[in-house]
Amino acid sequence: MKEDSEELKRELIDAAKNWLAIDGLWFLEIEKRYGLDIALECDIAAWKEFSRIEAERIMNRLSLPPCGGLESLETALNHRLFSLLNTYEIRKPMPGVMELFMTTCRTHVARERKGLPLFPCKTIGIIDYEIFAHTIDPGIEVECIACPPDPLVRSYHCGWRFTIAKNYQK
């Protein structure tokens, strides 16, 4: 049985790599043909839908309750496709606050390997994390701690803070 679960994990990681590869190849082709601004516009439109779909599917698969707060968000973040490919750390610096730090980002590593400039993913990240978090629980507020194009003068690629809105009523 253990061999079966190890094989399944390898298959999931491979599928996640394929997902990221097609996302990256699509983006690079749009960027090459139409420029970075148009590619980002298209990427934003795609992520608005994908983030919601991914959150809903994770909630259904794991039977997470609606409005499950930061606990459900943490569980869901650990089941996103990126969790199979990137290294990240989740911290809880105080009650009601959760932070995610992406310490290794496969997208940035690939762009660096290809000699491409740092990907300015902050705008997409804000949209992605806000929609994902709000799908899990509409009362979760999202704040970007740092993300490219912010200079990489830190030990992580991007950082995000999640809190429950003070005036939020379930």
N, C-alpha and C. Protein backbone atom coordinates (compact mmCIF):
# COMPACT_ATOMS: atom_id res chain seq x y z
N MET A 1 0.83 -1.20 0.00
CA MET A 1 0.00 0.00 0.00
C MET A 1 0.87 1.26 0.00
N LYS A 2 1.98 1.22 0.76
CA LYS A 2 2.84 2.38 0.82
C LYS A 2 3.40 2.72 -0.56
N GLU A 3 3.75 1.68 -1.34
CA GLU A 3 4.26 1.91 -2.68
C GLU A 3 3.21 2.59 -3.56
N ASP A 4 1.95 2.20 -3.40
CA ASP A 4 0.87 2.81 -4.17
C ASP A 4 0.75 4.30 -3.84
N SER A 5 0.84 4.66 -2.56
CA SER A 5 0.71 6.07 -2.18
C SER A 5 1.92 6.87 -2.65
N GLU A 6 3.10 6.26 -2.64
CA GLU A 6 4.29 6.95 -3.15
C GLU A 6 4.18 7.18 -4.65
N GLU A 7 3.67 6.19 -5.37
CA GLU A 7 3.49 6.33 -6.82
C GLU A 7 2.44 7.40 -7.11
N LEU A 8 1.36 7.42 -6.35
CA LEU A 8 0.33 8.43 -6.53
C LEU A 8 0.91 9.83 -6.28
N LYS A 9 1.72 9.97 -5.26
CA LYS A 9 2.34 11.27 -4.97
C LYS A 9 3.24 11.70 -6.13
N ARG A 10 4.03 10.77 -6.68
CA ARG A 10 4.88 11.10 -7.83
C ARG A 10 4.03 11.53 -9.02
N GLU A 11 2.91 10.85 -9.24
CA GLU A 11 2.02 11.22 -10.34
C GLU A 11 1.41 12.60 -10.13
N LEU A 12 1.02 12.90 -8.90
CA LEU A 12 0.46 14.22 -8.60
C LEU A 12 1.49 15.32 -8.83
N ILE A 13 2.72 15.08 -8.39
CA ILE A 13 3.77 16.07 -8.58
C ILE A 13 4.03 16.27 -10.07
N ASP A 14 4.05 15.18 -10.82
CA ASP A 14 4.25 15.28 -12.27
C ASP A 14 3.10 16.05 -12.91
N ALA A 15 1.88 15.79 -12.50
CA ALA A 15 0.72 16.51 -13.05
C ALA A 15 0.81 18.00 -12.71
N ALA A 16 1.23 18.32 -11.49
CA ALA A 16 1.38 19.73 -11.09
C ALA A 16 2.47 20.41 -11.92
N LYS A 17 3.56 19.69 -12.20
CA LYS A 17 4.62 20.24 -13.06
C LYS A 17 4.07 20.50 -14.46
N ASN A 18 3.27 19.59 -14.97
CA ASN A 18 2.67 19.79 -16.29
C ASN A 18 1.73 20.99 -16.30
N TRP A 19 0.94 21.14 -15.23
CA TRP A 19 0.05 22.31 -15.11
C TRP A 19 0.87 23.59 -15.14
N LEU A 20 1.94 23.64 -14.37
CA LEU A 20 2.76 24.85 -14.31
C LEU A 20 3.47 25.08 -15.64
N ALA A 21 3.89 24.00 -16.30
CA ALA A 21 4.57 24.14 -17.59
C ALA A 21 3.64 24.77 -18.62
N ILE A 22 2.40 24.30 -18.72
CA ILE A 22 1.50 24.87 -19.72
C ILE A 22 1.16 26.30 -19.37
N ASP A 23 1.01 26.59 -18.08
CA ASP A 23 0.75 27.97 -17.65
C ASP A 23 1.93 28.87 -18.06
N GLY A 24 3.13 28.41 -17.80
CA GLY A 24 4.31 29.20 -18.13
C GLY A 24 4.52 29.35 -19.63
N LEU A 25 4.35 28.27 -20.37
CA LEU A 25 4.53 28.33 -21.82
C LEU A 25 3.49 29.24 -22.46
N TRP A 26 2.25 29.14 -22.00
CA TRP A 26 1.19 30.01 -22.51
C TRP A 26 1.56 31.47 -22.25
N PHE A 27 1.98 31.77 -21.02
CA PHE A 27 2.32 33.15 -20.67
C PHE A 27 3.47 33.66 -21.52
N LEU A 28 4.54 32.85 -21.65
CA LEU A 28 5.70 33.28 -22.43
C LEU A 28 5.36 33.53 -23.89
N GLU A 29 4.47 32.73 -24.45
CA GLU A 29 4.06 32.93 -25.86
C GLU A 29 3.28 34.23 -26.01
N ILE A 30 2.38 34.50 -25.08
CA ILE A 30 1.61 35.76 -25.12
C ILE A 30 2.57 36.94 -24.95
N GLU A 31 3.51 36.80 -23.99
CA GLU A 31 4.48 37.86 -23.74
C GLU A 31 5.33 38.13 -24.99
N LYS A 32 5.77 37.07 -25.66
CA LYS A 32 6.60 37.20 -26.86
C LYS A 32 5.83 37.89 -27.98
N ARG A 33 4.57 37.51 -28.17
CA ARG A 33 3.78 38.06 -29.28
C ARG A 33 3.23 39.45 -29.01
N TYR A 34 2.80 39.71 -27.77
CA TYR A 34 2.06 40.94 -27.49
C TYR A 34 2.66 41.82 -26.40
N GLY A 35 3.72 41.36 -25.75
CA GLY A 35 4.35 42.15 -24.70
C GLY A 35 3.88 41.76 -23.32
N LEU A 36 4.64 42.20 -22.33
CA LEU A 36 4.38 41.83 -20.94
C LEU A 36 3.04 42.34 -20.43
N ASP A 37 2.67 43.57 -20.78
CA ASP A 37 1.42 44.13 -20.26
C ASP A 37 0.20 43.32 -20.70
N ILE A 38 0.14 42.93 -21.96
CA ILE A 38 -1.00 42.14 -22.46
C ILE A 38 -0.96 40.75 -21.83
N ALA A 39 0.23 40.17 -21.71
CA ALA A 39 0.35 38.84 -21.09
C ALA A 39 -0.14 38.89 -19.65
N LEU A 40 0.20 39.93 -18.92
CA LEU A 40 -0.27 40.06 -17.54
C LEU A 40 -1.78 40.23 -17.50
N GLU A 41 -2.33 41.02 -18.41
CA GLU A 41 -3.79 41.21 -18.49
C GLU A 41 -4.50 39.86 -18.68
N CYS A 42 -3.99 39.06 -19.60
CA CYS A 42 -4.58 37.75 -19.87
C CYS A 42 -4.42 36.83 -18.67
N ASP A 43 -3.26 36.87 -18.06
CA ASP A 43 -2.99 36.03 -16.89
C ASP A 43 -3.92 36.38 -15.74
N ILE A 44 -4.13 37.65 -15.52
CA ILE A 44 -5.04 38.10 -14.45
C ILE A 44 -6.44 37.55 -14.69
N ALA A 45 -6.92 37.65 -15.92
CA ALA A 45 -8.26 37.14 -16.24
C ALA A 45 -8.36 35.64 -15.97
N ALA A 46 -7.32 34.90 -16.34
CA ALA A 46 -7.33 33.45 -16.11
C ALA A 46 -7.28 33.12 -14.62
N TRP A 47 -6.43 33.81 -13.87
CA TRP A 47 -6.29 33.52 -12.44
C TRP A 47 -7.54 33.88 -11.65
N LYS A 48 -8.28 34.88 -12.10
CA LYS A 48 -9.53 35.22 -11.40
C LYS A 48 -10.46 34.02 -11.37
N GLU A 49 -10.53 33.31 -12.47
CA GLU A 49 -11.39 32.13 -12.53
C GLU A 49 -10.74 30.91 -11.87
N PHE A 50 -9.46 30.69 -12.19
CA PHE A 50 -8.79 29.49 -11.68
C PHE A 50 -8.74 29.47 -10.15
N SER A 51 -8.45 30.60 -9.52
CA SER A 51 -8.32 30.66 -8.06
C SER A 51 -9.62 30.24 -7.38
N ARG A 52 -10.73 30.73 -7.90
CA ARG A 52 -12.04 30.36 -7.35
C ARG A 52 -12.31 28.86 -7.57
N ILE A 53 -12.07 28.39 -8.79
CA ILE A 53 -12.31 26.98 -9.10
C ILE A 53 -11.46 26.07 -8.22
N GLU A 54 -10.17 26.41 -8.09
CA GLU A 54 -9.29 25.57 -7.28
C GLU A 54 -9.75 25.54 -5.82
N ALA A 55 -10.12 26.70 -5.28
CA ALA A 55 -10.59 26.76 -3.88
C ALA A 55 -11.86 25.94 -3.70
N GLU A 56 -12.81 26.08 -4.62
CA GLU A 56 -14.07 25.33 -4.51
C GLU A 56 -13.82 23.83 -4.57
N ARG A 57 -12.95 23.40 -5.47
CA ARG A 57 -12.67 21.97 -5.60
C ARG A 57 -11.97 21.42 -4.37
N ILE A 58 -11.06 22.19 -3.82
CA ILE A 58 -10.38 21.75 -2.58
C ILE A 58 -11.39 21.67 -1.44
N MET A 59 -12.24 22.67 -1.31
CA MET A 59 -13.25 22.66 -0.25
C MET A 59 -14.14 21.42 -0.39
N ASN A 60 -14.59 21.14 -1.60
CA ASN A 60 -15.45 19.97 -1.82
C ASN A 60 -14.71 18.67 -1.52
N ARG A 61 -13.50 18.54 -2.04
CA ARG A 61 -12.74 17.30 -1.88
C ARG A 61 -12.44 17.01 -0.40
N LEU A 62 -12.15 18.07 0.37
CA LEU A 62 -11.78 17.89 1.77
C LEU A 62 -12.95 18.12 2.73
N SER A 63 -14.12 18.39 2.18
CA SER A 63 -15.31 18.70 2.99
C SER A 63 -15.04 19.83 3.99
N LEU A 64 -14.38 20.88 3.52
CA LEU A 64 -14.13 22.04 4.38
C LEU A 64 -15.43 22.84 4.52
N PRO A 65 -15.71 23.31 5.71
CA PRO A 65 -16.95 24.06 5.91
C PRO A 65 -16.87 25.45 5.28
N PRO A 66 -17.98 25.98 4.81
CA PRO A 66 -17.96 27.37 4.34
C PRO A 66 -17.64 28.28 5.52
N CYS A 67 -16.98 29.36 5.26
CA CYS A 67 -16.61 30.33 6.31
C CYS A 67 -15.80 29.65 7.41
N GLY A 68 -14.85 28.82 7.01
CA GLY A 68 -14.03 28.06 7.97
C GLY A 68 -12.86 28.81 8.54
N GLY A 69 -12.71 30.09 8.21
CA GLY A 69 -11.66 30.90 8.79
C GLY A 69 -10.26 30.50 8.35
N LEU A 70 -9.29 30.94 9.16
CA LEU A 70 -7.88 30.71 8.82
C LEU A 70 -7.51 29.23 8.88
N GLU A 71 -8.19 28.47 9.71
CA GLU A 71 -7.90 27.03 9.79
C GLU A 71 -8.21 26.35 8.46
N SER A 72 -9.38 26.65 7.90
CA SER A 72 -9.73 26.08 6.59
C SER A 72 -8.81 26.60 5.50
N LEU A 73 -8.45 27.88 5.58
CA LEU A 73 -7.54 28.45 4.58
C LEU A 73 -6.19 27.74 4.62
N GLU A 74 -5.66 27.52 5.81
CA GLU A 74 -4.37 26.82 5.92
C GLU A 74 -4.45 25.42 5.30
N THR A 75 -5.51 24.71 5.61
CA THR A 75 -5.69 23.37 5.04
C THR A 75 -5.75 23.46 3.52
N ALA A 76 -6.53 24.40 3.01
CA ALA A 76 -6.68 24.54 1.56
C ALA A 76 -5.37 24.93 0.89
N LEU A 77 -4.62 25.85 1.50
CA LEU A 77 -3.33 26.26 0.93
C LEU A 77 -2.38 25.06 0.81
N ASN A 78 -2.44 24.17 1.77
CA ASN A 78 -1.58 22.98 1.75
C ASN A 78 -2.02 21.95 0.71
N HIS A 79 -3.16 22.19 0.05
CA HIS A 79 -3.65 21.28 -0.99
C HIS A 79 -3.71 21.92 -2.37
N ARG A 80 -3.16 23.14 -2.49
CA ARG A 80 -3.09 23.78 -3.80
C ARG A 80 -2.03 23.09 -4.64
N LEU A 81 -2.13 23.22 -5.94
CA LEU A 81 -1.13 22.62 -6.83
C LEU A 81 0.28 23.13 -6.51
N PHE A 82 0.40 24.43 -6.17
CA PHE A 82 1.74 24.95 -5.90
C PHE A 82 2.39 24.27 -4.71
N SER A 83 1.59 23.73 -3.81
CA SER A 83 2.17 23.10 -2.61
C SER A 83 2.99 21.86 -2.96
N LEU A 84 2.76 21.30 -4.14
CA LEU A 84 3.53 20.14 -4.59
C LEU A 84 4.85 20.54 -5.26
N LEU A 85 4.99 21.81 -5.62
CA LEU A 85 6.12 22.26 -6.42
C LEU A 85 7.03 23.27 -5.74
N ASN A 86 6.48 24.11 -4.92
CA ASN A 86 7.25 25.18 -4.28
C ASN A 86 7.47 24.86 -2.81
N THR A 87 8.50 25.45 -2.25
CA THR A 87 8.66 25.33 -0.80
C THR A 87 8.13 26.62 -0.18
N TYR A 88 7.42 26.44 0.90
CA TYR A 88 6.81 27.58 1.57
C TYR A 88 6.72 27.30 3.06
N GLU A 89 6.50 28.36 3.78
CA GLU A 89 6.37 28.26 5.23
C GLU A 89 5.13 29.03 5.65
N ILE A 90 4.35 28.44 6.53
CA ILE A 90 3.19 29.12 7.09
C ILE A 90 3.51 29.45 8.54
N ARG A 91 3.34 30.71 8.90
CA ARG A 91 3.60 31.17 10.27
C ARG A 91 2.31 31.77 10.84
N LYS A 92 2.21 31.67 12.15
CA LYS A 92 1.09 32.28 12.86
C LYS A 92 1.68 33.18 13.95
N PRO A 93 2.00 34.43 13.57
CA PRO A 93 2.71 35.32 14.50
C PRO A 93 1.87 35.75 15.70
N MET A 94 0.55 35.68 15.56
CA MET A 94 -0.35 36.05 16.66
C MET A 94 -1.72 35.46 16.35
N PRO A 95 -2.58 35.35 17.34
CA PRO A 95 -3.92 34.82 17.08
C PRO A 95 -4.64 35.65 16.02
N GLY A 96 -5.32 34.96 15.12
CA GLY A 96 -6.09 35.64 14.08
C GLY A 96 -5.26 36.11 12.89
N VAL A 97 -3.98 35.74 12.87
CA VAL A 97 -3.10 36.15 11.77
C VAL A 97 -2.33 34.93 11.28
N MET A 98 -2.32 34.76 9.97
CA MET A 98 -1.54 33.68 9.37
C MET A 98 -0.75 34.29 8.22
N GLU A 99 0.51 33.88 8.08
CA GLU A 99 1.36 34.38 7.01
C GLU A 99 1.92 33.21 6.21
N LEU A 100 2.01 33.41 4.90
CA LEU A 100 2.60 32.41 4.01
C LEU A 100 3.81 33.05 3.34
N PHE A 101 4.95 32.36 3.41
CA PHE A 101 6.16 32.82 2.77
C PHE A 101 6.62 31.77 1.76
N MET A 102 6.67 32.13 0.49
CA MET A 102 7.13 31.24 -0.57
C MET A 102 8.65 31.35 -0.61
N THR A 103 9.32 30.32 -0.08
CA THR A 103 10.78 30.38 0.00
C THR A 103 11.46 29.96 -1.30
N THR A 104 10.84 29.07 -2.05
CA THR A 104 11.34 28.71 -3.38
C THR A 104 10.16 28.71 -4.33
N CYS A 105 10.29 29.47 -5.39
CA CYS A 105 9.21 29.57 -6.38
C CYS A 105 9.71 28.99 -7.69
N ARG A 106 9.09 27.94 -8.13
CA ARG A 106 9.50 27.24 -9.35
C ARG A 106 9.45 28.15 -10.57
N THR A 107 8.47 29.05 -10.63
CA THR A 107 8.36 29.99 -11.75
C THR A 107 9.58 30.89 -11.81
N HIS A 108 9.97 31.45 -10.67
CA HIS A 108 11.12 32.36 -10.65
C HIS A 108 12.42 31.62 -10.93
N VAL A 109 12.53 30.41 -10.42
CA VAL A 109 13.73 29.61 -10.67
C VAL A 109 13.85 29.33 -12.18
N ALA A 110 12.73 28.98 -12.84
CA ALA A 110 12.74 28.70 -14.28
C ALA A 110 13.10 29.95 -15.08
N ARG A 111 12.52 31.10 -14.71
CA ARG A 111 12.82 32.34 -15.44
C ARG A 111 14.29 32.70 -15.27
N GLU A 112 14.79 32.53 -14.08
CA GLU A 112 16.21 32.82 -13.83
C GLU A 112 17.10 31.90 -14.67
N ARG A 113 16.76 30.62 -14.72
CA ARG A 113 17.51 29.64 -15.49
C ARG A 113 17.52 30.01 -16.99
N LYS A 114 16.42 30.60 -17.47
CA LYS A 114 16.31 30.97 -18.88
C LYS A 114 16.85 32.37 -19.15
N GLY A 115 17.37 33.04 -18.12
CA GLY A 115 17.91 34.38 -18.30
C GLY A 115 16.84 35.45 -18.46
N LEU A 116 15.62 35.15 -18.01
CA LEU A 116 14.52 36.12 -18.11
C LEU A 116 14.48 36.99 -16.86
N PRO A 117 13.95 38.18 -16.97
CA PRO A 117 13.85 39.05 -15.79
C PRO A 117 12.87 38.49 -14.76
N LEU A 118 13.00 38.97 -13.54
CA LEU A 118 12.11 38.59 -12.46
C LEU A 118 10.67 38.82 -12.90
N PHE A 119 9.80 37.85 -12.64
CA PHE A 119 8.40 37.96 -13.04
C PHE A 119 7.66 38.87 -12.06
N PRO A 120 7.02 39.94 -12.54
CA PRO A 120 6.31 40.86 -11.65
C PRO A 120 4.94 40.32 -11.27
N CYS A 121 4.92 39.38 -10.35
CA CYS A 121 3.69 38.63 -10.07
C CYS A 121 2.82 39.21 -8.95
N LYS A 122 3.19 40.35 -8.40
CA LYS A 122 2.45 40.91 -7.28
C LYS A 122 0.97 41.13 -7.59
N THR A 123 0.67 41.74 -8.72
CA THR A 123 -0.73 42.01 -9.08
C THR A 123 -1.51 40.71 -9.21
N ILE A 124 -0.92 39.72 -9.88
CA ILE A 124 -1.59 38.43 -10.03
C ILE A 124 -1.71 37.74 -8.68
N GLY A 125 -0.67 37.83 -7.86
CA GLY A 125 -0.70 37.24 -6.53
C GLY A 125 -1.81 37.81 -5.66
N ILE A 126 -1.98 39.12 -5.72
CA ILE A 126 -3.04 39.75 -4.93
C ILE A 126 -4.40 39.20 -5.37
N ILE A 127 -4.62 39.16 -6.66
CA ILE A 127 -5.89 38.64 -7.19
C ILE A 127 -6.06 37.17 -6.81
N ASP A 128 -5.02 36.37 -7.03
CA ASP A 128 -5.08 34.94 -6.74
C ASP A 128 -5.39 34.69 -5.26
N TYR A 129 -4.60 35.25 -4.38
CA TYR A 129 -4.78 34.97 -2.95
C TYR A 129 -6.09 35.56 -2.41
N GLU A 130 -6.48 36.74 -2.89
CA GLU A 130 -7.76 37.31 -2.42
C GLU A 130 -8.93 36.44 -2.84
N ILE A 131 -8.97 36.06 -4.10
CA ILE A 131 -10.10 35.25 -4.58
C ILE A 131 -10.07 33.88 -3.91
N PHE A 132 -8.90 33.26 -3.81
CA PHE A 132 -8.80 31.95 -3.17
C PHE A 132 -9.27 32.05 -1.71
N ALA A 133 -8.74 33.01 -0.97
CA ALA A 133 -9.09 33.17 0.45
C ALA A 133 -10.57 33.51 0.63
N HIS A 134 -11.10 34.41 -0.20
CA HIS A 134 -12.51 34.81 -0.08
C HIS A 134 -13.45 33.67 -0.45
N THR A 135 -13.01 32.77 -1.32
CA THR A 135 -13.82 31.60 -1.63
C THR A 135 -13.88 30.68 -0.42
N ILE A 136 -12.77 30.55 0.28
CA ILE A 136 -12.72 29.73 1.50
C ILE A 136 -13.56 30.38 2.61
N ASP A 137 -13.38 31.70 2.77
CA ASP A 137 -14.11 32.45 3.79
C ASP A 137 -14.11 33.92 3.39
N PRO A 138 -15.28 34.50 3.07
CA PRO A 138 -15.34 35.89 2.62
C PRO A 138 -14.82 36.90 3.65
N GLY A 139 -14.68 36.48 4.90
CA GLY A 139 -14.20 37.39 5.94
C GLY A 139 -12.69 37.47 6.05
N ILE A 140 -11.97 36.75 5.21
CA ILE A 140 -10.51 36.78 5.28
C ILE A 140 -9.99 37.94 4.45
N GLU A 141 -9.15 38.75 5.10
CA GLU A 141 -8.48 39.85 4.40
C GLU A 141 -7.07 39.40 4.02
N VAL A 142 -6.61 39.88 2.88
CA VAL A 142 -5.30 39.48 2.35
C VAL A 142 -4.44 40.72 2.18
N GLU A 143 -3.21 40.61 2.62
CA GLU A 143 -2.25 41.70 2.47
C GLU A 143 -0.95 41.13 1.92
N CYS A 144 -0.40 41.80 0.94
CA CYS A 144 0.90 41.40 0.41
C CYS A 144 1.98 41.97 1.31
N ILE A 145 2.84 41.11 1.83
CA ILE A 145 3.98 41.56 2.63
C ILE A 145 5.08 42.03 1.68
N ALA A 146 5.40 41.20 0.70
CA ALA A 146 6.37 41.56 -0.35
C ALA A 146 6.24 40.53 -1.47
N CYS A 147 6.41 41.01 -2.70
CA CYS A 147 6.30 40.13 -3.86
C CYS A 147 6.89 40.88 -5.06
N PRO A 148 7.59 40.17 -5.95
CA PRO A 148 8.11 40.85 -7.13
C PRO A 148 7.00 41.59 -7.87
N PRO A 149 7.23 42.80 -8.30
CA PRO A 149 8.52 43.40 -8.57
C PRO A 149 9.23 44.03 -7.39
N ASP A 150 8.73 43.87 -6.16
CA ASP A 150 9.49 44.35 -5.01
C ASP A 150 10.88 43.71 -5.07
N PRO A 151 11.92 44.47 -4.75
CA PRO A 151 13.28 43.91 -4.81
C PRO A 151 13.41 42.67 -3.93
N LEU A 152 14.18 41.70 -4.39
CA LEU A 152 14.40 40.46 -3.62
C LEU A 152 15.51 40.65 -2.60
N VAL A 153 15.24 41.46 -1.60
CA VAL A 153 16.20 41.68 -0.52
C VAL A 153 15.65 41.01 0.74
N ARG A 154 15.22 39.76 0.57
CA ARG A 154 14.62 39.00 1.65
C ARG A 154 14.88 37.53 1.39
N SER A 155 14.54 36.69 2.34
CA SER A 155 14.82 35.25 2.22
C SER A 155 13.68 34.47 1.56
N TYR A 156 12.70 35.16 1.00
CA TYR A 156 11.55 34.49 0.38
C TYR A 156 11.18 35.24 -0.90
N HIS A 157 10.51 34.54 -1.81
CA HIS A 157 10.08 35.18 -3.06
C HIS A 157 8.89 36.09 -2.83
N CYS A 158 7.88 35.58 -2.10
CA CYS A 158 6.73 36.42 -1.80
C CYS A 158 6.20 36.06 -0.41
N GLY A 159 5.53 37.02 0.19
CA GLY A 159 4.94 36.81 1.50
C GLY A 159 3.55 37.41 1.55
N TRP A 160 2.63 36.69 2.21
CA TRP A 160 1.23 37.10 2.27
C TRP A 160 0.71 36.97 3.69
N ARG A 161 -0.11 37.94 4.11
CA ARG A 161 -0.70 37.93 5.45
C ARG A 161 -2.22 37.81 5.30
N PHE A 162 -2.77 36.90 6.09
CA PHE A 162 -4.21 36.64 6.07
C PHE A 162 -4.77 36.91 7.47
N THR A 163 -5.83 37.68 7.54
CA THR A 163 -6.50 37.96 8.81
C THR A 163 -8.01 37.91 8.60
N ILE A 164 -8.72 37.71 9.68
CA ILE A 164 -10.19 37.79 9.62
C ILE A 164 -10.58 39.24 9.86
N ALA A 165 -11.40 39.79 8.95
CA ALA A 165 -11.83 41.17 9.09
C ALA A 165 -12.50 41.38 10.44
N LYS A 166 -12.15 42.47 11.09
CA LYS A 166 -12.67 42.76 12.43
C LYS A 166 -14.19 42.91 12.45
N ASN A 167 -14.76 43.48 11.40
CA ASN A 167 -16.21 43.71 11.36
C ASN A 167 -16.96 42.62 10.64
N TYR A 168 -16.32 41.48 10.39
CA TYR A 168 -16.94 40.40 9.64
C TYR A 168 -17.90 39.59 10.51
N GLN A 169 -19.11 39.41 10.03
CA GLN A 169 -20.14 38.61 10.70
C GLN A 169 -20.43 37.40 9.83
N LYS A 170 -20.30 36.20 10.37
CA LYS A 170 -20.61 34.98 9.60
C LYS A 170 -22.09 34.83 9.41
